[in-house]
Amino acid sequence: MKLLVGLDLLKRKNKIENLKRTICDCKQCSVYCKIMPGYLVPDDIVNIANNFFFPIYETIESFFEEVFRASPGATIMVNSIIFKIPTIVPSRKKDSDDCYFLEDNGKCSIHEYSPWGCRMADSHMTREEGDIISKIGLAQILNSEGYIKIWNYLNSKNLISKSPEELRKKIQ
């Protein structure tokens, strides 16, 4: 299975630096759980699979199809060239735009293993701080063959999230 190879590559090749996670769960930060959940880095996929969902699904593909979506990703500029880095994000609940992992009480069901974009950033950071955190996460993605394989699989199944630019308009 190509996706199992992708998951194995994630396990072996990517280790996230020990940066401080955000601890804020105020209403201003929690609105992202309902509109634009944070993107995942390679280790997030492995941690979520191993600790929460994989054992209850028959195949890794069914797990990915249920809980993740391919996002058009982050727009960045390097040397005056603008391009996108595709990202993987949590899927949405069937009856709302809420993050798949958001419980009815407003808490994250996978808080300990929450996605990079959720645990490392909050709405109180300066733009510069957020950009630094985002670049560190995006570098993890660019260096992960397995992540791109999973993104391509989700995209091929048309399991695609709205773009961050489109979702960001709902926040403002």
N, C-alpha and C. Protein backbone atom coordinates (compact mmCIF):
# COMPACT_ATOMS: atom_id res chain seq x y z
N MET A 1 0.84 -1.18 0.00
CA MET A 1 0.00 0.00 0.00
C MET A 1 0.88 1.24 0.00
N LYS A 2 0.63 2.11 -0.96
CA LYS A 2 1.42 3.34 -1.08
C LYS A 2 1.29 4.22 0.15
N LEU A 3 0.09 4.26 0.74
CA LEU A 3 -0.09 5.14 1.90
C LEU A 3 0.64 4.63 3.13
N LEU A 4 0.74 3.32 3.27
CA LEU A 4 1.51 2.79 4.39
C LEU A 4 2.98 3.16 4.24
N VAL A 5 3.47 3.13 3.03
CA VAL A 5 4.84 3.58 2.77
C VAL A 5 4.96 5.05 3.14
N GLY A 6 3.96 5.85 2.77
CA GLY A 6 3.96 7.26 3.11
C GLY A 6 3.99 7.47 4.61
N LEU A 7 3.19 6.70 5.36
CA LEU A 7 3.15 6.83 6.82
C LEU A 7 4.50 6.41 7.41
N ASP A 8 5.09 5.35 6.88
CA ASP A 8 6.39 4.91 7.38
C ASP A 8 7.46 5.98 7.14
N LEU A 9 7.42 6.62 5.96
CA LEU A 9 8.38 7.69 5.68
C LEU A 9 8.20 8.84 6.67
N LEU A 10 6.96 9.14 7.02
CA LEU A 10 6.73 10.20 8.00
C LEU A 10 7.39 9.85 9.33
N LYS A 11 7.23 8.62 9.75
CA LYS A 11 7.78 8.20 11.04
C LYS A 11 9.30 8.32 11.07
N ARG A 12 9.95 7.95 9.99
CA ARG A 12 11.40 7.88 9.99
C ARG A 12 12.08 9.21 9.71
N LYS A 13 11.49 10.07 8.92
CA LYS A 13 12.22 11.23 8.42
C LYS A 13 11.91 12.55 9.12
N ASN A 14 10.86 12.63 9.91
CA ASN A 14 10.47 13.94 10.42
C ASN A 14 10.34 13.96 11.93
N LYS A 15 11.06 14.87 12.54
CA LYS A 15 10.96 15.11 13.97
C LYS A 15 10.81 16.61 14.18
N ILE A 16 9.75 17.00 14.86
CA ILE A 16 9.48 18.41 15.10
C ILE A 16 10.30 18.89 16.29
N GLU A 17 10.85 20.06 16.13
CA GLU A 17 11.64 20.69 17.19
C GLU A 17 10.76 20.88 18.43
N ASN A 18 11.39 20.94 19.58
CA ASN A 18 10.66 21.15 20.83
C ASN A 18 10.41 22.64 21.05
N LEU A 19 9.42 23.16 20.40
CA LEU A 19 9.01 24.55 20.58
C LEU A 19 7.87 24.58 21.58
N LYS A 20 7.64 25.74 22.18
CA LYS A 20 6.55 25.86 23.15
C LYS A 20 5.20 25.93 22.45
N ARG A 21 4.29 25.11 22.92
CA ARG A 21 2.94 25.15 22.37
C ARG A 21 2.17 26.29 23.02
N THR A 22 1.18 26.80 22.31
CA THR A 22 0.32 27.83 22.87
C THR A 22 -0.63 27.18 23.88
N ILE A 23 -1.04 27.93 24.86
CA ILE A 23 -1.97 27.39 25.85
C ILE A 23 -3.31 28.12 25.83
N CYS A 24 -3.45 29.07 24.94
CA CYS A 24 -4.67 29.87 24.92
C CYS A 24 -5.84 29.07 24.36
N ASP A 25 -6.98 29.18 25.03
CA ASP A 25 -8.21 28.59 24.49
C ASP A 25 -9.37 29.57 24.65
N CYS A 26 -9.04 30.86 24.52
CA CYS A 26 -10.07 31.91 24.63
C CYS A 26 -11.01 31.82 23.42
N LYS A 27 -12.12 32.54 23.49
CA LYS A 27 -13.10 32.53 22.40
C LYS A 27 -12.49 33.01 21.08
N GLN A 28 -11.62 34.01 21.16
CA GLN A 28 -11.00 34.56 19.96
C GLN A 28 -10.15 33.49 19.25
N CYS A 29 -9.43 32.69 20.01
CA CYS A 29 -8.60 31.63 19.43
C CYS A 29 -9.48 30.44 19.00
N SER A 30 -10.49 30.12 19.81
CA SER A 30 -11.34 28.97 19.53
C SER A 30 -12.19 29.13 18.27
N VAL A 31 -12.37 30.35 17.79
CA VAL A 31 -13.15 30.55 16.57
C VAL A 31 -12.50 29.81 15.38
N TYR A 32 -11.18 29.66 15.44
CA TYR A 32 -10.49 28.94 14.37
C TYR A 32 -10.93 27.48 14.30
N CYS A 33 -11.29 26.89 15.44
CA CYS A 33 -11.77 25.50 15.46
C CYS A 33 -13.06 25.36 14.66
N LYS A 34 -13.81 26.44 14.58
CA LYS A 34 -15.09 26.41 13.87
C LYS A 34 -14.98 26.87 12.43
N ILE A 35 -13.92 27.57 12.09
CA ILE A 35 -13.82 28.14 10.75
C ILE A 35 -12.60 27.64 9.98
N MET A 36 -11.45 27.65 10.63
CA MET A 36 -10.21 27.33 9.91
C MET A 36 -9.24 26.58 10.82
N PRO A 37 -9.48 25.27 11.03
CA PRO A 37 -8.57 24.49 11.87
C PRO A 37 -7.15 24.53 11.31
N GLY A 38 -6.18 24.44 12.18
CA GLY A 38 -4.78 24.52 11.78
C GLY A 38 -4.30 23.35 10.95
N TYR A 39 -3.26 23.59 10.17
CA TYR A 39 -2.71 22.54 9.33
C TYR A 39 -1.84 21.59 10.16
N LEU A 40 -1.69 20.38 9.61
CA LEU A 40 -0.88 19.36 10.26
C LEU A 40 0.50 19.30 9.63
N VAL A 41 1.48 18.96 10.44
CA VAL A 41 2.82 18.65 9.94
C VAL A 41 2.95 17.12 9.97
N PRO A 42 3.99 16.57 9.39
CA PRO A 42 4.11 15.12 9.29
C PRO A 42 3.94 14.35 10.61
N ASP A 43 4.60 14.78 11.67
CA ASP A 43 4.47 14.05 12.93
C ASP A 43 3.05 14.07 13.47
N ASP A 44 2.28 15.12 13.18
CA ASP A 44 0.89 15.18 13.64
C ASP A 44 0.09 14.00 13.09
N ILE A 45 0.29 13.69 11.83
CA ILE A 45 -0.46 12.60 11.19
C ILE A 45 -0.13 11.28 11.89
N VAL A 46 1.14 11.05 12.13
CA VAL A 46 1.57 9.83 12.81
C VAL A 46 0.99 9.77 14.22
N ASN A 47 1.10 10.86 14.98
CA ASN A 47 0.61 10.88 16.35
C ASN A 47 -0.90 10.68 16.44
N ILE A 48 -1.64 11.34 15.58
CA ILE A 48 -3.09 11.19 15.60
C ILE A 48 -3.47 9.77 15.21
N ALA A 49 -2.82 9.24 14.17
CA ALA A 49 -3.11 7.87 13.74
C ALA A 49 -2.82 6.87 14.86
N ASN A 50 -1.68 6.99 15.46
CA ASN A 50 -1.26 6.02 16.49
C ASN A 50 -2.04 6.13 17.79
N ASN A 51 -2.45 7.32 18.15
CA ASN A 51 -3.04 7.53 19.47
C ASN A 51 -4.56 7.62 19.51
N PHE A 52 -5.19 7.81 18.37
CA PHE A 52 -6.62 8.02 18.44
C PHE A 52 -7.46 7.17 17.50
N PHE A 53 -7.10 7.13 16.24
CA PHE A 53 -8.07 6.62 15.29
C PHE A 53 -7.69 5.36 14.54
N PHE A 54 -6.45 5.17 14.25
CA PHE A 54 -6.08 4.07 13.37
C PHE A 54 -6.62 2.71 13.81
N PRO A 55 -6.58 2.37 15.10
CA PRO A 55 -7.05 1.03 15.49
C PRO A 55 -8.53 0.75 15.18
N ILE A 56 -9.36 1.78 15.02
CA ILE A 56 -10.78 1.51 14.78
C ILE A 56 -11.15 1.49 13.30
N TYR A 57 -10.21 1.74 12.42
CA TYR A 57 -10.47 1.72 10.98
C TYR A 57 -9.86 0.47 10.37
N GLU A 58 -10.54 -0.07 9.36
CA GLU A 58 -10.04 -1.28 8.70
C GLU A 58 -8.78 -1.02 7.89
N THR A 59 -8.70 0.16 7.30
CA THR A 59 -7.53 0.48 6.46
C THR A 59 -7.03 1.87 6.78
N ILE A 60 -5.78 2.10 6.49
CA ILE A 60 -5.22 3.44 6.68
C ILE A 60 -5.92 4.44 5.76
N GLU A 61 -6.32 3.96 4.58
CA GLU A 61 -7.03 4.85 3.65
C GLU A 61 -8.35 5.33 4.23
N SER A 62 -9.11 4.43 4.85
CA SER A 62 -10.40 4.85 5.41
C SER A 62 -10.19 5.84 6.55
N PHE A 63 -9.13 5.66 7.31
CA PHE A 63 -8.79 6.61 8.37
C PHE A 63 -8.51 7.99 7.77
N PHE A 64 -7.61 8.04 6.78
CA PHE A 64 -7.27 9.32 6.15
C PHE A 64 -8.50 9.98 5.55
N GLU A 65 -9.34 9.20 4.87
CA GLU A 65 -10.52 9.75 4.21
C GLU A 65 -11.51 10.34 5.20
N GLU A 66 -11.58 9.77 6.39
CA GLU A 66 -12.52 10.25 7.40
C GLU A 66 -12.03 11.52 8.09
N VAL A 67 -10.76 11.58 8.46
CA VAL A 67 -10.32 12.64 9.37
C VAL A 67 -9.48 13.75 8.74
N PHE A 68 -9.00 13.60 7.52
CA PHE A 68 -8.14 14.61 6.93
C PHE A 68 -8.64 15.10 5.58
N ARG A 69 -8.20 16.30 5.21
CA ARG A 69 -8.50 16.87 3.90
C ARG A 69 -7.23 17.51 3.33
N ALA A 70 -7.14 17.47 2.01
CA ALA A 70 -6.06 18.17 1.31
C ALA A 70 -6.48 19.63 1.20
N SER A 71 -5.59 20.52 1.59
CA SER A 71 -5.85 21.95 1.48
C SER A 71 -4.94 22.52 0.40
N PRO A 72 -5.44 23.50 -0.35
CA PRO A 72 -4.55 24.16 -1.32
C PRO A 72 -3.30 24.70 -0.65
N GLY A 73 -3.38 24.97 0.63
CA GLY A 73 -2.20 25.27 1.41
C GLY A 73 -1.85 26.72 1.61
N ALA A 74 -0.66 26.89 2.12
CA ALA A 74 -0.15 28.21 2.49
C ALA A 74 0.51 28.89 1.30
N THR A 75 0.25 30.17 1.16
CA THR A 75 0.91 30.97 0.13
C THR A 75 2.12 31.62 0.76
N ILE A 76 3.26 31.41 0.14
CA ILE A 76 4.48 32.01 0.67
C ILE A 76 5.25 32.70 -0.46
N MET A 77 6.18 33.56 -0.06
CA MET A 77 7.03 34.23 -1.04
C MET A 77 8.49 33.97 -0.67
N VAL A 78 9.24 33.51 -1.66
CA VAL A 78 10.67 33.28 -1.49
C VAL A 78 11.36 33.93 -2.67
N ASN A 79 12.30 34.82 -2.37
CA ASN A 79 13.03 35.54 -3.44
C ASN A 79 12.08 36.19 -4.45
N SER A 80 11.06 36.82 -3.94
CA SER A 80 10.06 37.53 -4.76
C SER A 80 9.20 36.60 -5.63
N ILE A 81 9.26 35.31 -5.38
CA ILE A 81 8.42 34.35 -6.11
C ILE A 81 7.36 33.83 -5.15
N ILE A 82 6.09 33.94 -5.57
CA ILE A 82 4.97 33.49 -4.75
C ILE A 82 4.58 32.07 -5.18
N PHE A 83 4.42 31.17 -4.20
CA PHE A 83 3.95 29.83 -4.50
C PHE A 83 3.21 29.26 -3.30
N LYS A 84 2.54 28.12 -3.52
CA LYS A 84 1.76 27.48 -2.46
C LYS A 84 2.44 26.19 -2.01
N ILE A 85 2.32 25.93 -0.73
CA ILE A 85 2.75 24.66 -0.16
C ILE A 85 1.48 23.94 0.27
N PRO A 86 1.14 22.84 -0.40
CA PRO A 86 -0.08 22.10 -0.03
C PRO A 86 0.00 21.60 1.41
N THR A 87 -1.11 21.67 2.12
CA THR A 87 -1.15 21.21 3.50
C THR A 87 -2.29 20.23 3.70
N ILE A 88 -2.21 19.49 4.78
CA ILE A 88 -3.28 18.59 5.20
C ILE A 88 -3.91 19.20 6.44
N VAL A 89 -5.23 19.23 6.46
CA VAL A 89 -5.98 19.83 7.57
C VAL A 89 -7.02 18.83 8.07
N PRO A 90 -7.54 19.03 9.28
CA PRO A 90 -8.62 18.16 9.75
C PRO A 90 -9.85 18.31 8.86
N SER A 91 -10.59 17.22 8.69
CA SER A 91 -11.85 17.31 7.97
C SER A 91 -12.86 18.06 8.85
N ARG A 92 -14.02 18.29 8.30
CA ARG A 92 -15.07 19.02 9.02
C ARG A 92 -16.20 18.07 9.39
N LYS A 93 -16.91 18.43 10.43
CA LYS A 93 -18.09 17.65 10.82
C LYS A 93 -19.12 17.74 9.70
N LYS A 94 -19.88 16.68 9.56
CA LYS A 94 -20.86 16.62 8.47
C LYS A 94 -21.98 17.66 8.59
N ASP A 95 -22.33 18.03 9.82
CA ASP A 95 -23.46 18.94 10.04
C ASP A 95 -23.04 20.39 10.27
N SER A 96 -21.73 20.69 10.20
CA SER A 96 -21.26 22.06 10.42
C SER A 96 -19.88 22.21 9.80
N ASP A 97 -19.32 23.40 9.92
CA ASP A 97 -17.95 23.62 9.45
C ASP A 97 -16.93 23.39 10.56
N ASP A 98 -17.39 22.92 11.72
CA ASP A 98 -16.49 22.71 12.85
C ASP A 98 -15.43 21.67 12.51
N CYS A 99 -14.27 21.82 13.11
CA CYS A 99 -13.19 20.84 12.99
C CYS A 99 -13.71 19.47 13.42
N TYR A 100 -13.28 18.47 12.72
CA TYR A 100 -13.65 17.08 13.02
C TYR A 100 -13.39 16.73 14.49
N PHE A 101 -12.36 17.31 15.07
CA PHE A 101 -11.94 16.96 16.43
C PHE A 101 -12.57 17.84 17.51
N LEU A 102 -13.39 18.82 17.14
CA LEU A 102 -14.00 19.71 18.13
C LEU A 102 -15.21 19.03 18.76
N GLU A 103 -15.19 18.92 20.07
CA GLU A 103 -16.29 18.30 20.80
C GLU A 103 -17.42 19.31 21.02
N ASP A 104 -18.59 18.81 21.37
CA ASP A 104 -19.75 19.68 21.60
C ASP A 104 -19.50 20.71 22.70
N ASN A 105 -18.63 20.39 23.66
CA ASN A 105 -18.33 21.32 24.76
C ASN A 105 -17.29 22.36 24.37
N GLY A 106 -16.87 22.37 23.11
CA GLY A 106 -15.91 23.36 22.63
C GLY A 106 -14.45 22.98 22.85
N LYS A 107 -14.22 21.80 23.36
CA LYS A 107 -12.85 21.34 23.62
C LYS A 107 -12.37 20.44 22.49
N CYS A 108 -11.07 20.37 22.32
CA CYS A 108 -10.45 19.54 21.29
C CYS A 108 -10.33 18.10 21.80
N SER A 109 -10.85 17.15 21.03
CA SER A 109 -10.79 15.75 21.45
C SER A 109 -9.39 15.15 21.34
N ILE A 110 -8.50 15.83 20.63
CA ILE A 110 -7.13 15.33 20.48
C ILE A 110 -6.12 16.38 20.96
N HIS A 111 -6.51 17.16 21.95
CA HIS A 111 -5.69 18.31 22.39
C HIS A 111 -4.21 17.96 22.55
N GLU A 112 -3.91 16.85 23.18
CA GLU A 112 -2.51 16.48 23.42
C GLU A 112 -1.73 16.33 22.11
N TYR A 113 -2.43 15.95 21.03
CA TYR A 113 -1.79 15.73 19.73
C TYR A 113 -2.38 16.65 18.67
N SER A 114 -2.84 17.82 19.07
CA SER A 114 -3.49 18.72 18.12
C SER A 114 -2.55 19.15 17.00
N PRO A 115 -3.12 19.50 15.85
CA PRO A 115 -2.29 19.90 14.70
C PRO A 115 -1.36 21.07 14.99
N TRP A 116 -0.27 21.11 14.27
CA TRP A 116 0.75 22.16 14.40
C TRP A 116 0.11 23.55 14.41
N GLY A 117 -0.74 23.81 13.43
CA GLY A 117 -1.35 25.13 13.30
C GLY A 117 -2.25 25.50 14.47
N CYS A 118 -2.71 24.51 15.22
CA CYS A 118 -3.55 24.77 16.40
C CYS A 118 -2.69 24.92 17.65
N ARG A 119 -1.72 24.05 17.83
CA ARG A 119 -0.97 24.05 19.08
C ARG A 119 0.17 25.05 19.11
N MET A 120 0.62 25.52 17.96
CA MET A 120 1.79 26.40 17.94
C MET A 120 1.45 27.87 17.71
N ALA A 121 0.24 28.16 17.31
CA ALA A 121 -0.13 29.55 17.01
C ALA A 121 -1.44 29.91 17.71
N ASP A 122 -1.58 31.18 18.02
CA ASP A 122 -2.87 31.66 18.53
C ASP A 122 -3.11 33.07 18.00
N SER A 123 -4.30 33.55 18.20
CA SER A 123 -4.70 34.84 17.62
C SER A 123 -4.04 36.04 18.31
N HIS A 124 -3.33 35.82 19.39
CA HIS A 124 -2.69 36.91 20.11
C HIS A 124 -1.24 37.15 19.69
N MET A 125 -0.73 36.28 18.84
CA MET A 125 0.65 36.45 18.34
C MET A 125 0.70 37.60 17.36
N THR A 126 1.88 38.19 17.27
CA THR A 126 2.06 39.19 16.23
C THR A 126 2.14 38.46 14.88
N ARG A 127 1.95 39.18 13.82
CA ARG A 127 2.05 38.58 12.48
C ARG A 127 3.44 37.96 12.28
N GLU A 128 4.46 38.64 12.77
CA GLU A 128 5.83 38.15 12.63
C GLU A 128 6.02 36.83 13.38
N GLU A 129 5.50 36.76 14.61
CA GLU A 129 5.61 35.51 15.38
C GLU A 129 4.88 34.37 14.67
N GLY A 130 3.68 34.65 14.18
CA GLY A 130 2.91 33.65 13.46
C GLY A 130 3.61 33.18 12.20
N ASP A 131 4.23 34.11 11.49
CA ASP A 131 4.96 33.76 10.26
C ASP A 131 6.14 32.84 10.56
N ILE A 132 6.84 33.11 11.65
CA ILE A 132 7.98 32.26 12.01
C ILE A 132 7.52 30.84 12.31
N ILE A 133 6.48 30.72 13.13
CA ILE A 133 5.93 29.41 13.48
C ILE A 133 5.45 28.69 12.22
N SER A 134 4.76 29.41 11.37
CA SER A 134 4.24 28.82 10.13
C SER A 134 5.38 28.32 9.25
N LYS A 135 6.43 29.11 9.11
CA LYS A 135 7.57 28.70 8.26
C LYS A 135 8.24 27.44 8.78
N ILE A 136 8.33 27.32 10.10
CA ILE A 136 8.93 26.11 10.68
C ILE A 136 8.07 24.90 10.33
N GLY A 137 6.75 25.03 10.46
CA GLY A 137 5.86 23.92 10.11
C GLY A 137 5.89 23.60 8.63
N LEU A 138 5.89 24.63 7.79
CA LEU A 138 5.90 24.40 6.34
C LEU A 138 7.21 23.75 5.89
N ALA A 139 8.31 24.06 6.57
CA ALA A 139 9.58 23.40 6.24
C ALA A 139 9.49 21.90 6.52
N GLN A 140 8.78 21.54 7.58
CA GLN A 140 8.57 20.12 7.88
C GLN A 140 7.86 19.43 6.72
N ILE A 141 6.86 20.11 6.17
CA ILE A 141 6.08 19.55 5.07
C ILE A 141 6.94 19.40 3.82
N LEU A 142 7.68 20.43 3.48
CA LEU A 142 8.50 20.39 2.27
C LEU A 142 9.53 19.27 2.30
N ASN A 143 9.95 18.88 3.48
CA ASN A 143 10.96 17.83 3.62
C ASN A 143 10.36 16.44 3.79
N SER A 144 9.06 16.29 3.54
CA SER A 144 8.40 15.01 3.80
C SER A 144 7.76 14.41 2.56
N GLU A 145 8.38 13.40 2.04
CA GLU A 145 7.85 12.67 0.89
C GLU A 145 6.52 11.99 1.26
N GLY A 146 6.45 11.44 2.46
CA GLY A 146 5.24 10.75 2.91
C GLY A 146 4.04 11.68 3.01
N TYR A 147 4.25 12.87 3.50
CA TYR A 147 3.18 13.86 3.64
C TYR A 147 2.59 14.19 2.27
N ILE A 148 3.46 14.41 1.30
CA ILE A 148 2.99 14.74 -0.04
C ILE A 148 2.22 13.56 -0.64
N LYS A 149 2.65 12.33 -0.37
CA LYS A 149 1.91 11.15 -0.85
C LYS A 149 0.49 11.13 -0.27
N ILE A 150 0.38 11.43 1.00
CA ILE A 150 -0.95 11.44 1.63
C ILE A 150 -1.79 12.59 1.06
N TRP A 151 -1.19 13.77 0.90
CA TRP A 151 -1.91 14.89 0.31
C TRP A 151 -2.40 14.52 -1.09
N ASN A 152 -1.55 13.92 -1.90
CA ASN A 152 -1.95 13.52 -3.26
C ASN A 152 -3.07 12.50 -3.24
N TYR A 153 -3.05 11.58 -2.29
CA TYR A 153 -4.12 10.59 -2.17
C TYR A 153 -5.46 11.29 -1.86
N LEU A 154 -5.45 12.16 -0.86
CA LEU A 154 -6.68 12.88 -0.50
C LEU A 154 -7.19 13.71 -1.69
N ASN A 155 -6.28 14.38 -2.36
CA ASN A 155 -6.64 15.20 -3.51
C ASN A 155 -7.24 14.34 -4.62
N SER A 156 -6.67 13.16 -4.86
CA SER A 156 -7.17 12.27 -5.91
C SER A 156 -8.58 11.77 -5.61
N LYS A 157 -8.94 11.72 -4.33
CA LYS A 157 -10.29 11.32 -3.90
C LYS A 157 -11.23 12.51 -3.80
N ASN A 158 -10.75 13.69 -4.19
CA ASN A 158 -11.51 14.94 -4.13
C ASN A 158 -11.92 15.29 -2.69
N LEU A 159 -11.08 14.92 -1.75
CA LEU A 159 -11.29 15.25 -0.34
C LEU A 159 -10.47 16.50 -0.05
N ILE A 160 -11.04 17.63 -0.43
CA ILE A 160 -10.31 18.89 -0.46
C ILE A 160 -11.00 19.93 0.42
N SER A 161 -10.20 20.63 1.19
CA SER A 161 -10.69 21.73 2.02
C SER A 161 -10.73 23.01 1.19
N LYS A 162 -11.52 23.95 1.65
CA LYS A 162 -11.48 25.29 1.06
C LYS A 162 -10.11 25.89 1.33
N SER A 163 -9.72 26.86 0.52
CA SER A 163 -8.40 27.48 0.69
C SER A 163 -8.36 28.32 1.96
N PRO A 164 -7.17 28.48 2.55
CA PRO A 164 -7.04 29.34 3.73
C PRO A 164 -7.53 30.77 3.47
N GLU A 165 -7.30 31.28 2.26
CA GLU A 165 -7.74 32.63 1.94
C GLU A 165 -9.27 32.74 2.00
N GLU A 166 -9.94 31.74 1.48
CA GLU A 166 -11.41 31.72 1.51
C GLU A 166 -11.93 31.61 2.93
N LEU A 167 -11.33 30.75 3.72
CA LEU A 167 -11.76 30.56 5.11
C LEU A 167 -11.45 31.79 5.98
N ARG A 168 -10.32 32.41 5.74
CA ARG A 168 -9.91 33.58 6.51
C ARG A 168 -10.94 34.72 6.38
N LYS A 169 -11.60 34.82 5.25
CA LYS A 169 -12.62 35.87 5.06
C LYS A 169 -13.76 35.72 6.06
N LYS A 170 -14.06 34.50 6.48
CA LYS A 170 -15.14 34.27 7.45
C LYS A 170 -14.76 34.75 8.85
N ILE A 171 -13.47 34.82 9.11
CA ILE A 171 -13.00 35.22 10.44
C ILE A 171 -13.06 36.73 10.61
N GLN A 172 -12.77 37.45 9.55
CA GLN A 172 -12.68 38.91 9.63
C GLN A 172 -13.99 39.60 9.70
